[in-house]
N, C-alpha and C. Protein backbone atom coordinates (compact mmCIF):
# COMPACT_ATOMS: atom_id res chain seq x y z
N UNK A 1 6.60 -13.81 -4.12
CA UNK A 1 5.70 -14.96 -3.93
C UNK A 1 5.71 -15.89 -5.14
N UNK A 2 6.71 -15.69 -6.01
CA UNK A 2 6.81 -16.50 -7.22
C UNK A 2 6.98 -17.98 -6.90
N UNK A 3 7.54 -18.28 -5.74
CA UNK A 3 7.78 -19.66 -5.34
C UNK A 3 6.48 -20.47 -5.33
N UNK A 4 5.37 -19.83 -5.01
CA UNK A 4 4.08 -20.51 -4.93
C UNK A 4 3.25 -20.31 -6.18
N UNK A 5 3.81 -19.66 -7.19
CA UNK A 5 3.14 -19.47 -8.48
C UNK A 5 1.78 -18.77 -8.33
N UNK A 6 1.78 -17.71 -7.54
CA UNK A 6 0.55 -16.95 -7.33
C UNK A 6 0.44 -15.85 -8.37
N UNK A 7 -0.72 -15.72 -8.99
CA UNK A 7 -0.94 -14.67 -9.99
C UNK A 7 -1.99 -13.69 -9.47
N UNK A 8 -2.03 -12.46 -10.00
CA UNK A 8 -3.07 -11.50 -9.59
C UNK A 8 -4.48 -12.05 -9.80
N UNK A 9 -4.65 -12.84 -10.85
CA UNK A 9 -5.97 -13.43 -11.13
C UNK A 9 -6.38 -14.40 -10.02
N UNK A 10 -5.41 -15.18 -9.54
CA UNK A 10 -5.71 -16.12 -8.46
C UNK A 10 -6.09 -15.37 -7.18
N UNK A 11 -5.36 -14.29 -6.90
CA UNK A 11 -5.66 -13.51 -5.70
C UNK A 11 -7.06 -12.93 -5.77
N UNK A 12 -7.40 -12.33 -6.91
CA UNK A 12 -8.72 -11.72 -7.08
C UNK A 12 -9.84 -12.76 -6.98
N UNK A 13 -9.59 -13.95 -7.52
CA UNK A 13 -10.61 -15.00 -7.53
C UNK A 13 -10.81 -15.62 -6.16
N UNK A 14 -9.71 -15.87 -5.45
CA UNK A 14 -9.78 -16.67 -4.23
C UNK A 14 -9.91 -15.87 -2.95
N UNK A 15 -9.44 -14.61 -2.95
CA UNK A 15 -9.43 -13.86 -1.70
C UNK A 15 -10.83 -13.42 -1.27
N UNK A 16 -11.76 -13.29 -2.23
CA UNK A 16 -13.10 -12.80 -1.90
C UNK A 16 -13.84 -13.71 -0.93
N UNK A 17 -13.50 -14.99 -0.92
CA UNK A 17 -14.21 -15.92 -0.02
C UNK A 17 -13.95 -15.61 1.45
N UNK A 18 -12.95 -14.81 1.74
CA UNK A 18 -12.65 -14.48 3.14
C UNK A 18 -13.56 -13.39 3.69
N UNK A 19 -14.50 -12.90 2.88
CA UNK A 19 -15.46 -11.91 3.39
C UNK A 19 -16.32 -12.49 4.51
N UNK A 20 -16.47 -13.80 4.52
CA UNK A 20 -17.25 -14.44 5.57
C UNK A 20 -16.39 -14.88 6.76
N UNK A 21 -15.09 -14.70 6.65
CA UNK A 21 -14.17 -15.13 7.70
C UNK A 21 -14.34 -14.24 8.94
N UNK A 22 -14.37 -14.86 10.11
CA UNK A 22 -14.56 -14.11 11.35
C UNK A 22 -13.50 -13.03 11.52
N UNK A 23 -12.26 -13.33 11.14
CA UNK A 23 -11.18 -12.36 11.29
C UNK A 23 -11.42 -11.13 10.41
N UNK A 24 -11.95 -11.36 9.21
CA UNK A 24 -12.26 -10.24 8.31
C UNK A 24 -13.40 -9.41 8.88
N UNK A 25 -14.46 -10.09 9.28
CA UNK A 25 -15.64 -9.39 9.82
C UNK A 25 -15.27 -8.55 11.03
N UNK A 26 -14.49 -9.12 11.95
CA UNK A 26 -14.12 -8.40 13.17
C UNK A 26 -13.21 -7.21 12.86
N UNK A 27 -12.30 -7.36 11.89
CA UNK A 27 -11.42 -6.25 11.55
C UNK A 27 -12.20 -5.10 10.91
N UNK A 28 -13.14 -5.43 10.03
CA UNK A 28 -13.93 -4.38 9.39
C UNK A 28 -14.85 -3.70 10.40
N UNK A 29 -15.33 -4.48 11.37
CA UNK A 29 -16.13 -3.87 12.44
C UNK A 29 -15.28 -2.92 13.28
N UNK A 30 -14.02 -3.28 13.49
CA UNK A 30 -13.14 -2.37 14.22
C UNK A 30 -12.92 -1.07 13.45
N UNK A 31 -12.68 -1.19 12.16
CA UNK A 31 -12.50 0.00 11.33
C UNK A 31 -13.72 0.91 11.43
N UNK A 32 -14.92 0.30 11.35
CA UNK A 32 -16.16 1.09 11.45
C UNK A 32 -16.29 1.74 12.82
N UNK A 33 -15.98 0.98 13.86
CA UNK A 33 -16.20 1.52 15.21
C UNK A 33 -15.17 2.59 15.57
N UNK A 34 -13.94 2.44 15.08
CA UNK A 34 -12.88 3.39 15.45
C UNK A 34 -12.86 4.61 14.54
N UNK A 35 -13.00 4.38 13.25
CA UNK A 35 -12.87 5.49 12.30
C UNK A 35 -14.21 6.00 11.77
N UNK A 36 -15.22 5.15 11.81
CA UNK A 36 -16.58 5.58 11.48
C UNK A 36 -16.69 6.33 10.17
N UNK A 37 -17.32 7.49 10.21
CA UNK A 37 -17.61 8.26 9.01
C UNK A 37 -16.41 9.01 8.47
N UNK A 38 -15.27 8.95 9.17
CA UNK A 38 -14.09 9.65 8.66
C UNK A 38 -13.52 8.97 7.42
N UNK A 39 -13.95 7.74 7.17
CA UNK A 39 -13.57 7.03 5.95
C UNK A 39 -14.79 6.88 5.06
N UNK A 40 -14.63 7.14 3.78
CA UNK A 40 -15.73 6.93 2.84
C UNK A 40 -15.86 5.47 2.46
N UNK A 41 -16.94 5.13 1.76
CA UNK A 41 -17.18 3.75 1.36
C UNK A 41 -16.06 3.23 0.46
N UNK A 42 -15.58 4.07 -0.45
CA UNK A 42 -14.53 3.62 -1.37
C UNK A 42 -13.27 3.22 -0.61
N UNK A 43 -12.89 4.01 0.40
CA UNK A 43 -11.69 3.69 1.17
C UNK A 43 -11.90 2.43 2.00
N UNK A 44 -13.09 2.26 2.57
CA UNK A 44 -13.36 1.04 3.33
C UNK A 44 -13.29 -0.19 2.42
N UNK A 45 -13.75 -0.05 1.18
CA UNK A 45 -13.67 -1.15 0.23
C UNK A 45 -12.21 -1.51 -0.06
N UNK A 46 -11.36 -0.49 -0.17
CA UNK A 46 -9.93 -0.72 -0.42
C UNK A 46 -9.30 -1.47 0.75
N UNK A 47 -9.60 -1.03 1.96
CA UNK A 47 -9.04 -1.68 3.14
C UNK A 47 -9.61 -3.08 3.32
N UNK A 48 -10.88 -3.26 2.97
CA UNK A 48 -11.49 -4.58 3.04
C UNK A 48 -10.84 -5.55 2.08
N UNK A 49 -10.57 -5.10 0.86
CA UNK A 49 -9.91 -5.95 -0.13
C UNK A 49 -8.50 -6.31 0.33
N UNK A 50 -7.83 -5.36 0.96
CA UNK A 50 -6.49 -5.64 1.48
C UNK A 50 -6.54 -6.70 2.57
N UNK A 51 -7.51 -6.62 3.46
CA UNK A 51 -7.63 -7.61 4.53
C UNK A 51 -7.93 -8.99 3.97
N UNK A 52 -8.72 -9.07 2.93
CA UNK A 52 -8.99 -10.35 2.29
C UNK A 52 -7.70 -10.95 1.73
N UNK A 53 -6.86 -10.11 1.13
CA UNK A 53 -5.60 -10.60 0.58
C UNK A 53 -4.66 -11.08 1.68
N UNK A 54 -4.63 -10.36 2.81
CA UNK A 54 -3.79 -10.77 3.93
C UNK A 54 -4.21 -12.17 4.40
N UNK A 55 -5.50 -12.38 4.55
CA UNK A 55 -6.00 -13.69 5.01
C UNK A 55 -5.73 -14.77 3.97
N UNK A 56 -5.86 -14.41 2.70
CA UNK A 56 -5.59 -15.35 1.61
C UNK A 56 -4.13 -15.82 1.67
N UNK A 57 -3.20 -14.87 1.77
CA UNK A 57 -1.79 -15.23 1.80
C UNK A 57 -1.42 -15.96 3.09
N UNK A 58 -2.07 -15.59 4.19
CA UNK A 58 -1.80 -16.29 5.45
C UNK A 58 -2.15 -17.78 5.30
N UNK A 59 -3.30 -18.07 4.72
CA UNK A 59 -3.70 -19.46 4.51
C UNK A 59 -2.79 -20.15 3.52
N UNK A 60 -2.49 -19.47 2.42
CA UNK A 60 -1.65 -20.05 1.37
C UNK A 60 -0.27 -20.41 1.91
N UNK A 61 0.33 -19.48 2.63
CA UNK A 61 1.68 -19.70 3.14
C UNK A 61 1.69 -20.74 4.27
N UNK A 62 0.69 -20.68 5.13
CA UNK A 62 0.62 -21.67 6.22
C UNK A 62 0.49 -23.08 5.66
N UNK A 63 -0.37 -23.24 4.64
CA UNK A 63 -0.52 -24.56 4.02
C UNK A 63 0.76 -25.00 3.33
N UNK A 64 1.44 -24.06 2.67
CA UNK A 64 2.69 -24.41 1.99
C UNK A 64 3.74 -24.87 2.99
N UNK A 65 3.78 -24.22 4.15
CA UNK A 65 4.73 -24.64 5.19
C UNK A 65 4.36 -26.01 5.74
N UNK A 66 3.09 -26.21 6.03
CA UNK A 66 2.66 -27.48 6.60
C UNK A 66 2.86 -28.64 5.63
N UNK A 67 2.80 -28.34 4.32
CA UNK A 67 3.01 -29.38 3.30
C UNK A 67 4.49 -29.58 2.99
N UNK A 68 5.35 -28.73 3.56
CA UNK A 68 6.77 -28.87 3.32
C UNK A 68 7.27 -28.19 2.06
N UNK A 69 6.42 -27.37 1.41
CA UNK A 69 6.82 -26.67 0.19
C UNK A 69 7.79 -25.54 0.48
N UNK A 70 7.60 -24.87 1.62
CA UNK A 70 8.51 -23.81 2.02
C UNK A 70 9.01 -24.09 3.43
N UNK A 71 10.14 -23.50 3.78
CA UNK A 71 10.72 -23.70 5.11
C UNK A 71 10.09 -22.74 6.11
N UNK A 72 10.42 -22.94 7.39
CA UNK A 72 9.95 -22.02 8.43
C UNK A 72 10.50 -20.63 8.20
N UNK A 73 11.76 -20.52 7.77
CA UNK A 73 12.34 -19.21 7.48
C UNK A 73 11.59 -18.52 6.33
N UNK A 74 11.25 -19.30 5.30
CA UNK A 74 10.47 -18.75 4.19
C UNK A 74 9.12 -18.25 4.68
N UNK A 75 8.48 -19.05 5.52
CA UNK A 75 7.16 -18.68 6.06
C UNK A 75 7.25 -17.34 6.78
N UNK A 76 8.23 -17.18 7.64
CA UNK A 76 8.37 -15.93 8.39
C UNK A 76 8.65 -14.76 7.45
N UNK A 77 9.53 -14.96 6.49
CA UNK A 77 9.89 -13.87 5.58
C UNK A 77 8.70 -13.44 4.72
N UNK A 78 8.01 -14.43 4.14
CA UNK A 78 6.89 -14.10 3.26
C UNK A 78 5.73 -13.47 4.02
N UNK A 79 5.39 -14.04 5.17
CA UNK A 79 4.30 -13.46 5.96
C UNK A 79 4.66 -12.05 6.43
N UNK A 80 5.91 -11.85 6.81
CA UNK A 80 6.35 -10.52 7.19
C UNK A 80 6.18 -9.53 6.05
N UNK A 81 6.53 -9.95 4.83
CA UNK A 81 6.37 -9.08 3.67
C UNK A 81 4.90 -8.75 3.42
N UNK A 82 4.03 -9.76 3.57
CA UNK A 82 2.59 -9.53 3.37
C UNK A 82 2.07 -8.49 4.35
N UNK A 83 2.43 -8.64 5.62
CA UNK A 83 1.95 -7.72 6.65
C UNK A 83 2.53 -6.32 6.47
N UNK A 84 3.79 -6.24 6.08
CA UNK A 84 4.40 -4.93 5.86
C UNK A 84 3.78 -4.22 4.66
N UNK A 85 3.49 -4.97 3.61
CA UNK A 85 2.82 -4.37 2.44
C UNK A 85 1.45 -3.85 2.82
N UNK A 86 0.75 -4.60 3.67
CA UNK A 86 -0.56 -4.16 4.13
C UNK A 86 -0.43 -2.87 4.94
N UNK A 87 0.56 -2.83 5.84
CA UNK A 87 0.76 -1.62 6.64
C UNK A 87 1.11 -0.42 5.78
N UNK A 88 1.84 -0.65 4.69
CA UNK A 88 2.18 0.45 3.79
C UNK A 88 0.92 1.08 3.22
N UNK A 89 -0.06 0.24 2.90
CA UNK A 89 -1.33 0.76 2.39
C UNK A 89 -2.02 1.64 3.42
N UNK A 90 -2.08 1.18 4.65
CA UNK A 90 -2.72 1.96 5.71
C UNK A 90 -1.96 3.26 5.97
N UNK A 91 -0.62 3.19 5.94
CA UNK A 91 0.17 4.40 6.16
C UNK A 91 -0.03 5.42 5.05
N UNK A 92 -0.29 4.92 3.84
CA UNK A 92 -0.49 5.80 2.70
C UNK A 92 -1.84 6.51 2.75
N UNK A 93 -2.88 5.78 3.15
CA UNK A 93 -4.24 6.31 3.03
C UNK A 93 -4.79 6.92 4.32
N UNK A 94 -4.24 6.54 5.47
CA UNK A 94 -4.76 7.08 6.73
C UNK A 94 -3.89 8.24 7.21
N UNK A 95 -4.52 9.20 7.87
CA UNK A 95 -3.76 10.25 8.51
C UNK A 95 -3.03 9.67 9.72
N UNK A 96 -2.07 10.43 10.25
CA UNK A 96 -1.36 9.96 11.44
C UNK A 96 -2.33 9.67 12.59
N UNK A 97 -3.32 10.54 12.74
CA UNK A 97 -4.29 10.38 13.82
C UNK A 97 -5.16 9.14 13.61
N UNK A 98 -5.64 8.94 12.39
CA UNK A 98 -6.46 7.77 12.09
C UNK A 98 -5.67 6.48 12.31
N UNK A 99 -4.43 6.49 11.87
CA UNK A 99 -3.59 5.31 12.00
C UNK A 99 -3.37 4.95 13.47
N UNK A 100 -3.09 5.97 14.26
CA UNK A 100 -2.85 5.74 15.69
C UNK A 100 -4.10 5.23 16.39
N UNK A 101 -5.26 5.77 15.99
CA UNK A 101 -6.52 5.31 16.57
C UNK A 101 -6.77 3.84 16.24
N UNK A 102 -6.49 3.47 15.01
CA UNK A 102 -6.81 2.11 14.56
C UNK A 102 -5.84 1.08 15.11
N UNK A 103 -4.55 1.39 15.08
CA UNK A 103 -3.53 0.41 15.46
C UNK A 103 -2.96 0.63 16.86
N UNK A 104 -3.37 1.74 17.48
CA UNK A 104 -2.84 2.10 18.81
C UNK A 104 -1.32 2.13 18.79
N UNK A 105 -0.78 2.63 17.70
CA UNK A 105 0.65 2.72 17.50
C UNK A 105 0.90 3.77 16.44
N UNK A 106 2.12 4.31 16.39
CA UNK A 106 2.45 5.29 15.36
C UNK A 106 2.90 4.58 14.09
N UNK A 107 2.90 5.32 12.98
CA UNK A 107 3.29 4.73 11.71
C UNK A 107 4.73 4.21 11.72
N UNK A 108 5.58 4.83 12.50
CA UNK A 108 6.97 4.43 12.50
C UNK A 108 7.28 3.23 13.37
N UNK A 109 6.31 2.75 14.14
CA UNK A 109 6.58 1.68 15.10
C UNK A 109 5.95 0.34 14.74
N UNK A 110 5.04 0.33 13.78
CA UNK A 110 4.28 -0.89 13.50
C UNK A 110 5.13 -2.00 12.91
N UNK A 111 6.06 -1.66 12.01
CA UNK A 111 6.86 -2.71 11.40
C UNK A 111 7.73 -3.44 12.41
N UNK A 112 8.17 -2.74 13.45
CA UNK A 112 8.93 -3.41 14.52
C UNK A 112 8.06 -4.44 15.22
N UNK A 113 6.77 -4.11 15.42
CA UNK A 113 5.84 -5.05 16.03
C UNK A 113 5.63 -6.26 15.13
N UNK A 114 5.60 -6.04 13.83
CA UNK A 114 5.46 -7.15 12.88
C UNK A 114 6.66 -8.08 12.97
N UNK A 115 7.85 -7.50 13.06
CA UNK A 115 9.06 -8.32 13.19
C UNK A 115 8.99 -9.20 14.43
N UNK A 116 8.52 -8.63 15.53
CA UNK A 116 8.40 -9.40 16.77
C UNK A 116 7.39 -10.53 16.62
N UNK A 117 6.28 -10.25 15.91
CA UNK A 117 5.26 -11.27 15.68
C UNK A 117 5.82 -12.42 14.86
N UNK A 118 6.59 -12.10 13.83
CA UNK A 118 7.15 -13.12 12.96
C UNK A 118 8.09 -14.06 13.73
N UNK A 119 8.78 -13.52 14.71
CA UNK A 119 9.71 -14.35 15.49
C UNK A 119 8.98 -15.39 16.34
N UNK A 120 7.67 -15.20 16.54
CA UNK A 120 6.92 -16.09 17.42
C UNK A 120 6.07 -17.13 16.68
N UNK A 121 6.25 -17.24 15.35
CA UNK A 121 5.55 -18.29 14.61
C UNK A 121 6.16 -19.63 14.99
N UNK A 122 5.37 -20.56 15.50
CA UNK A 122 5.95 -21.79 16.04
C UNK A 122 6.50 -22.74 14.98
N UNK A 123 7.63 -23.36 15.29
CA UNK A 123 8.19 -24.43 14.46
C UNK A 123 7.80 -25.79 15.02
N UNK A 124 7.42 -25.81 16.29
CA UNK A 124 7.08 -27.04 16.97
C UNK A 124 6.18 -26.69 18.15
N UNK A 125 5.52 -27.67 18.68
CA UNK A 125 4.60 -27.44 19.80
C UNK A 125 5.31 -27.75 21.11
N UNK A 126 5.36 -26.77 22.00
CA UNK A 126 6.04 -26.94 23.28
C UNK A 126 4.98 -26.97 24.38
N UNK A 127 4.90 -28.08 25.08
CA UNK A 127 3.90 -28.24 26.13
C UNK A 127 4.45 -27.91 27.51
N UNK A 128 5.76 -27.84 27.64
CA UNK A 128 6.38 -27.52 28.92
C UNK A 128 6.45 -26.00 29.08
N UNK A 129 5.71 -25.41 30.02
CA UNK A 129 5.68 -23.95 30.16
C UNK A 129 7.01 -23.34 30.56
N UNK A 130 7.94 -24.16 31.02
CA UNK A 130 9.24 -23.65 31.45
C UNK A 130 10.27 -23.67 30.33
N UNK A 131 9.86 -24.13 29.15
CA UNK A 131 10.78 -24.26 28.03
C UNK A 131 10.48 -23.22 26.96
N UNK A 132 11.51 -22.60 26.43
CA UNK A 132 11.36 -21.62 25.36
C UNK A 132 11.80 -22.25 24.03
N UNK A 133 11.40 -21.66 22.88
CA UNK A 133 11.89 -22.17 21.60
C UNK A 133 13.42 -22.20 21.52
N UNK A 134 14.08 -21.21 22.11
CA UNK A 134 15.54 -21.19 22.10
C UNK A 134 16.11 -22.39 22.87
N UNK A 135 15.45 -22.77 23.98
CA UNK A 135 15.89 -23.95 24.73
C UNK A 135 15.86 -25.19 23.83
N UNK A 136 14.78 -25.30 23.06
CA UNK A 136 14.62 -26.45 22.17
C UNK A 136 15.74 -26.47 21.13
N UNK A 137 15.97 -25.32 20.50
CA UNK A 137 16.99 -25.26 19.44
C UNK A 137 18.39 -25.54 19.98
N UNK A 138 18.64 -25.11 21.20
CA UNK A 138 19.98 -25.24 21.76
C UNK A 138 20.25 -26.63 22.34
N UNK A 139 19.21 -27.33 22.79
CA UNK A 139 19.43 -28.56 23.55
C UNK A 139 19.02 -29.84 22.84
N UNK A 140 18.41 -29.71 21.67
CA UNK A 140 18.03 -30.90 20.90
C UNK A 140 18.86 -30.94 19.62
N UNK A 141 19.46 -32.08 19.34
CA UNK A 141 20.31 -32.23 18.16
C UNK A 141 19.54 -31.90 16.90
N UNK A 142 20.23 -31.33 15.91
CA UNK A 142 19.56 -30.80 14.72
C UNK A 142 18.76 -31.86 13.97
N UNK A 143 19.26 -33.09 13.88
CA UNK A 143 18.53 -34.12 13.15
C UNK A 143 17.20 -34.44 13.85
N UNK A 144 17.25 -34.61 15.17
CA UNK A 144 16.02 -34.91 15.90
C UNK A 144 15.09 -33.70 15.90
N UNK A 145 15.65 -32.49 15.89
CA UNK A 145 14.83 -31.29 15.83
C UNK A 145 14.08 -31.22 14.50
N UNK A 146 14.74 -31.66 13.44
CA UNK A 146 14.07 -31.72 12.14
C UNK A 146 12.89 -32.67 12.16
N UNK A 147 13.06 -33.82 12.81
CA UNK A 147 11.96 -34.78 12.94
C UNK A 147 10.81 -34.18 13.77
N UNK A 148 11.16 -33.43 14.80
CA UNK A 148 10.13 -32.81 15.64
C UNK A 148 9.33 -31.78 14.85
N UNK A 149 10.02 -31.00 14.01
CA UNK A 149 9.32 -30.03 13.16
C UNK A 149 8.35 -30.74 12.23
N UNK A 150 8.79 -31.87 11.67
CA UNK A 150 7.93 -32.61 10.75
C UNK A 150 6.70 -33.16 11.48
N UNK A 151 6.88 -33.65 12.68
CA UNK A 151 5.75 -34.14 13.47
C UNK A 151 4.77 -33.00 13.76
N UNK A 152 5.31 -31.82 14.05
CA UNK A 152 4.44 -30.66 14.32
C UNK A 152 3.64 -30.29 13.09
N UNK A 153 4.28 -30.30 11.91
CA UNK A 153 3.56 -29.96 10.68
C UNK A 153 2.40 -30.92 10.45
N UNK A 154 2.66 -32.21 10.70
CA UNK A 154 1.59 -33.20 10.52
C UNK A 154 0.44 -32.92 11.48
N UNK A 155 0.77 -32.66 12.73
CA UNK A 155 -0.27 -32.39 13.73
C UNK A 155 -1.04 -31.11 13.38
N UNK A 156 -0.34 -30.07 12.95
CA UNK A 156 -1.01 -28.81 12.59
C UNK A 156 -1.95 -29.00 11.41
N UNK A 157 -1.52 -29.78 10.42
CA UNK A 157 -2.40 -30.07 9.28
C UNK A 157 -3.65 -30.81 9.73
N UNK A 158 -3.47 -31.77 10.61
CA UNK A 158 -4.62 -32.52 11.12
C UNK A 158 -5.58 -31.60 11.88
N UNK A 159 -5.04 -30.67 12.66
CA UNK A 159 -5.89 -29.75 13.42
C UNK A 159 -6.69 -28.84 12.49
N UNK A 160 -6.05 -28.37 11.42
CA UNK A 160 -6.75 -27.53 10.44
C UNK A 160 -7.87 -28.31 9.76
N UNK A 161 -7.57 -29.56 9.41
CA UNK A 161 -8.58 -30.40 8.76
C UNK A 161 -9.76 -30.66 9.69
N UNK A 162 -9.49 -30.91 10.95
CA UNK A 162 -10.56 -31.15 11.92
C UNK A 162 -11.42 -29.90 12.06
N UNK A 163 -10.80 -28.74 12.14
CA UNK A 163 -11.54 -27.48 12.27
C UNK A 163 -12.43 -27.23 11.05
N UNK A 164 -11.91 -27.53 9.86
CA UNK A 164 -12.70 -27.33 8.64
C UNK A 164 -13.91 -28.27 8.62
N UNK A 165 -13.70 -29.52 9.02
CA UNK A 165 -14.82 -30.48 9.02
C UNK A 165 -15.85 -30.12 10.08
N UNK A 166 -15.38 -29.57 11.20
CA UNK A 166 -16.31 -29.12 12.23
C UNK A 166 -17.13 -27.93 11.73
N UNK A 167 -16.48 -26.98 11.08
CA UNK A 167 -17.18 -25.81 10.55
C UNK A 167 -18.20 -26.18 9.48
N UNK A 168 -17.87 -27.20 8.68
CA UNK A 168 -18.77 -27.61 7.59
C UNK A 168 -19.90 -28.50 8.07
N UNK A 169 -19.84 -28.93 9.33
CA UNK A 169 -20.88 -29.80 9.87
C UNK A 169 -20.67 -31.27 9.59
N UNK A 170 -19.51 -31.62 9.01
CA UNK A 170 -19.22 -33.02 8.71
C UNK A 170 -19.05 -33.84 9.98
N UNK A 171 -18.50 -33.21 11.02
CA UNK A 171 -18.35 -33.87 12.31
C UNK A 171 -18.91 -32.95 13.40
N UNK A 172 -19.27 -33.53 14.55
CA UNK A 172 -19.78 -32.71 15.65
C UNK A 172 -18.65 -32.37 16.63
N UNK A 173 -18.98 -31.59 17.65
CA UNK A 173 -17.98 -31.11 18.59
C UNK A 173 -17.29 -32.25 19.34
N UNK A 174 -18.07 -33.24 19.77
CA UNK A 174 -17.50 -34.37 20.51
C UNK A 174 -16.49 -35.14 19.66
N UNK A 175 -16.86 -35.39 18.39
CA UNK A 175 -15.96 -36.11 17.49
C UNK A 175 -14.70 -35.31 17.25
N UNK A 176 -14.86 -33.99 17.07
CA UNK A 176 -13.70 -33.13 16.84
C UNK A 176 -12.73 -33.18 18.02
N UNK A 177 -13.27 -33.12 19.24
CA UNK A 177 -12.41 -33.14 20.42
C UNK A 177 -11.68 -34.47 20.54
N UNK A 178 -12.37 -35.57 20.23
CA UNK A 178 -11.72 -36.88 20.30
C UNK A 178 -10.59 -36.98 19.26
N UNK A 179 -10.83 -36.43 18.07
CA UNK A 179 -9.80 -36.48 17.03
C UNK A 179 -8.61 -35.59 17.39
N UNK A 180 -8.89 -34.44 18.00
CA UNK A 180 -7.80 -33.56 18.44
C UNK A 180 -6.95 -34.24 19.51
N UNK A 181 -7.62 -34.89 20.47
CA UNK A 181 -6.89 -35.62 21.52
C UNK A 181 -6.06 -36.75 20.93
N UNK A 182 -6.64 -37.46 19.97
CA UNK A 182 -5.92 -38.58 19.34
C UNK A 182 -4.72 -38.06 18.55
N UNK A 183 -4.91 -36.93 17.84
CA UNK A 183 -3.82 -36.35 17.07
C UNK A 183 -2.67 -35.92 17.98
N UNK A 184 -3.02 -35.31 19.11
CA UNK A 184 -1.97 -34.89 20.05
C UNK A 184 -1.25 -36.10 20.63
N UNK A 185 -1.99 -37.13 21.00
CA UNK A 185 -1.38 -38.32 21.58
C UNK A 185 -0.42 -38.97 20.59
N UNK A 186 -0.80 -38.99 19.32
CA UNK A 186 0.07 -39.56 18.28
C UNK A 186 1.34 -38.73 18.14
N UNK A 187 1.16 -37.41 18.15
CA UNK A 187 2.31 -36.49 18.08
C UNK A 187 3.25 -36.73 19.26
N UNK A 188 2.68 -36.81 20.46
CA UNK A 188 3.46 -37.00 21.66
C UNK A 188 4.21 -38.34 21.64
N UNK A 189 3.49 -39.41 21.24
CA UNK A 189 4.10 -40.73 21.25
C UNK A 189 5.17 -40.87 20.17
N UNK A 190 4.96 -40.25 19.02
CA UNK A 190 5.96 -40.28 17.95
C UNK A 190 7.22 -39.54 18.40
N UNK A 191 7.01 -38.40 19.08
CA UNK A 191 8.15 -37.64 19.59
C UNK A 191 8.93 -38.45 20.62
N UNK A 192 8.22 -39.23 21.40
CA UNK A 192 8.87 -40.03 22.45
C UNK A 192 9.84 -41.04 21.85
N UNK A 193 9.57 -41.47 20.63
CA UNK A 193 10.42 -42.46 19.98
C UNK A 193 11.68 -41.83 19.38
N UNK A 194 11.67 -40.53 19.13
CA UNK A 194 12.83 -39.91 18.48
C UNK A 194 13.66 -39.06 19.44
N UNK A 195 13.10 -38.72 20.60
CA UNK A 195 13.80 -37.87 21.55
C UNK A 195 14.33 -38.70 22.73
N UNK A 196 15.41 -38.22 23.32
CA UNK A 196 15.87 -38.84 24.56
C UNK A 196 14.89 -38.48 25.68
N UNK A 197 14.99 -39.16 26.82
CA UNK A 197 14.07 -38.86 27.93
C UNK A 197 14.19 -37.40 28.36
N UNK A 198 15.42 -36.91 28.41
CA UNK A 198 15.63 -35.52 28.83
C UNK A 198 15.04 -34.55 27.81
N UNK A 199 15.23 -34.84 26.53
CA UNK A 199 14.68 -33.97 25.47
C UNK A 199 13.15 -34.01 25.49
N UNK A 200 12.61 -35.20 25.73
CA UNK A 200 11.15 -35.32 25.78
C UNK A 200 10.58 -34.47 26.91
N UNK A 201 11.19 -34.51 28.09
CA UNK A 201 10.72 -33.70 29.21
C UNK A 201 10.87 -32.21 28.91
N UNK A 202 11.91 -31.86 28.15
CA UNK A 202 12.11 -30.46 27.78
C UNK A 202 10.94 -29.95 26.95
N UNK A 203 10.41 -30.79 26.06
CA UNK A 203 9.30 -30.38 25.18
C UNK A 203 7.95 -30.57 25.85
N UNK A 204 7.75 -31.71 26.51
CA UNK A 204 6.41 -32.08 26.97
C UNK A 204 6.22 -31.95 28.48
N UNK A 205 7.29 -31.70 29.23
CA UNK A 205 7.14 -31.65 30.68
C UNK A 205 6.80 -33.03 31.22
N UNK A 206 5.94 -33.06 32.23
CA UNK A 206 5.53 -34.33 32.85
C UNK A 206 4.19 -34.78 32.28
N UNK A 207 4.18 -35.01 30.97
CA UNK A 207 2.96 -35.41 30.27
C UNK A 207 2.67 -36.88 30.55
N UNK A 208 1.49 -37.14 31.12
CA UNK A 208 1.14 -38.52 31.46
C UNK A 208 -0.06 -39.03 30.68
N UNK A 209 -0.33 -38.45 29.50
CA UNK A 209 -1.46 -38.92 28.70
C UNK A 209 -1.24 -40.37 28.26
N UNK A 210 -2.32 -41.13 28.09
CA UNK A 210 -2.16 -42.54 27.64
C UNK A 210 -1.62 -42.62 26.23
N UNK A 211 -1.07 -43.77 25.92
CA UNK A 211 -0.54 -44.00 24.57
C UNK A 211 -1.67 -43.95 23.56
N UNK A 212 -1.39 -43.36 22.36
CA UNK A 212 -2.43 -43.26 21.33
C UNK A 212 -2.78 -44.65 20.81
N UNK A 213 -4.07 -44.80 20.46
CA UNK A 213 -4.52 -46.09 19.92
C UNK A 213 -4.74 -45.96 18.41
């Protein structure tokens, strides 16, 4: 993770804020409900700290990708490493039975599931349900595909910003929905200018939304 200049001090300082994150709360509730008293407080604290780090790196890497600091391949590789390191911790501290109860999988099979998950991180937004990412890569010229990836990064950044402002109370639900619709329309209309009609239908299907204002 040297590419992003992350230090242990930064991780310790910044990861703790994820204790209020819904994903953290729900995961710790699952640990309590599945494993209960079979884990002591010290072990739960270790697993909780690990989950905070996973969420920290997920945000850090996602933002780096959306800002263009790292490539999609880098994103998949680094996130895969983060998840595998986390699984190593669970494999070390949990018994085979505890691990299977928590993950509904054996210790030897989880990393394969992580690999499958990494393959599904989107590079672009596909609105046509009949189109796969492989269809996009095979049928759209590489230069235009690069432009489409850039448009997706912009839209994803806008969506994250809207969600943060909604959570902070800066905007209300109606405003958020209007901004999301406007962001999508801009993404769609920008794509229409760089793709051929056939390529546009491949990505968006029969999208008839009005032009963005």
